[in-house]
Protein backbone atom coordinates (compact mmCIF):
# COMPACT_ATOMS: atom_id res chain seq x y z
CA UNK A 1 -22.58 -56.14 -23.40
CA UNK A 2 -22.01 -59.72 -21.14
CA UNK A 3 -23.95 -62.28 -22.63
CA UNK A 4 -24.66 -64.93 -19.57
CA UNK A 5 -24.65 -68.40 -20.38
CA UNK A 6 -26.54 -71.01 -18.45
CA UNK A 7 -22.58 -72.19 -16.73
CA UNK A 8 -22.83 -68.44 -15.69
CA UNK A 9 -26.33 -68.54 -14.21
CA UNK A 10 -25.84 -71.56 -12.19
CA UNK A 11 -22.55 -70.22 -10.95
CA UNK A 12 -24.14 -66.98 -8.98
CA UNK A 13 -26.92 -69.25 -7.83
CA UNK A 14 -24.90 -71.35 -5.84
CA UNK A 15 -26.21 -71.44 -2.22
CA UNK A 16 -22.90 -70.04 -0.55
CA UNK A 17 -22.36 -71.27 3.52
CA UNK A 18 -20.32 -68.61 5.43
CA UNK A 19 -18.18 -70.65 7.67
CA UNK A 20 -15.65 -69.82 10.84
CA UNK A 21 -12.67 -71.93 12.15
CA UNK A 22 -12.37 -72.81 16.33
CA UNK A 23 -9.16 -70.62 17.11
CA UNK A 24 -9.18 -73.54 20.49
CA UNK A 25 -7.70 -76.59 20.04
CA UNK A 26 -10.59 -79.98 21.09
CA UNK A 27 -9.45 -81.74 24.38
CA UNK A 28 -10.06 -85.40 24.21
CA UNK A 29 -11.41 -85.75 21.09
CA UNK A 30 -9.70 -85.30 17.60
CA UNK A 31 -7.43 -83.01 19.22
CA UNK A 32 -8.13 -80.79 16.07
CA UNK A 33 -9.45 -77.21 15.40
CA UNK A 34 -12.80 -77.58 13.51
CA UNK A 35 -14.66 -75.60 10.97
CA UNK A 36 -18.35 -75.05 11.99
CA UNK A 37 -21.11 -73.39 9.46
CA UNK A 38 -23.06 -69.96 10.85
CA UNK A 39 -25.71 -71.71 12.37
CA UNK A 40 -24.05 -74.57 14.03
CA UNK A 41 -25.27 -74.68 17.28
CA UNK A 42 -21.99 -76.16 18.34
CA UNK A 43 -19.80 -73.15 16.70
CA UNK A 44 -17.31 -71.34 19.43
CA UNK A 45 -17.84 -67.92 20.85
CA UNK A 46 -17.26 -65.07 18.53
CA UNK A 47 -14.13 -64.28 20.62
CA UNK A 48 -12.66 -67.59 19.52
CA UNK A 49 -13.70 -67.82 15.66
CA UNK A 50 -11.83 -67.41 12.66
CA UNK A 51 -13.99 -65.69 9.85
CA UNK A 52 -13.53 -68.02 7.01
CA UNK A 53 -16.29 -65.77 5.14
CA UNK A 54 -18.41 -67.41 2.61
CA UNK A 55 -17.56 -71.03 0.79
CA UNK A 56 -19.19 -72.39 -2.24
CA UNK A 57 -18.37 -76.19 -0.14
CA UNK A 58 -16.73 -77.56 2.85
CA UNK A 59 -13.64 -78.49 0.86
CA UNK A 60 -13.29 -75.24 0.32
CA UNK A 61 -13.66 -73.97 4.19
CA UNK A 62 -11.38 -76.85 5.03
CA UNK A 63 -8.72 -75.73 2.88
CA UNK A 64 -9.06 -71.94 4.08
CA UNK A 65 -8.83 -73.50 7.40
CA UNK A 66 -5.56 -75.31 7.19
CA UNK A 67 -4.05 -72.09 6.32
CA UNK A 68 -4.53 -71.48 9.59
CA UNK A 69 -3.75 -75.14 11.74
CA UNK A 70 -2.75 -78.48 10.19
CA UNK A 71 -4.94 -79.92 11.87
CA UNK A 72 -8.26 -78.44 10.45
CA UNK A 73 -11.25 -80.77 10.56
CA UNK A 74 -15.16 -80.47 10.30
CA UNK A 75 -17.85 -80.79 12.93
CA UNK A 76 -19.62 -83.68 12.92
CA UNK A 77 -22.68 -81.73 13.37
CA UNK A 78 -22.70 -79.39 10.61
CA UNK A 79 -19.71 -80.38 8.11
CA UNK A 80 -19.92 -83.84 7.86
CA UNK A 81 -18.01 -84.61 4.61
CA UNK A 82 -15.22 -82.97 5.92
CA UNK A 83 -15.36 -84.52 9.63
CA UNK A 84 -12.34 -87.04 9.63
CA UNK A 85 -12.05 -87.72 13.19
């Protein structure tokens, strides 16, 4: 029998967002590949997206994105905590 602690309940109750990465590098502003949440109106078309899956935080999504492009950065609209450029 598995006993659930408050830590486990909190861990599994935490909201996760789905993220994607733009395959196309931005032109003229930042010159980087942006990370977006699935609901962002600025996300690229599906054919230009790399699915990063569900993540607990924007930071986790950025770490995944940097495995594809070292210049990855967050969208200023949906991922402001990882938007640097």
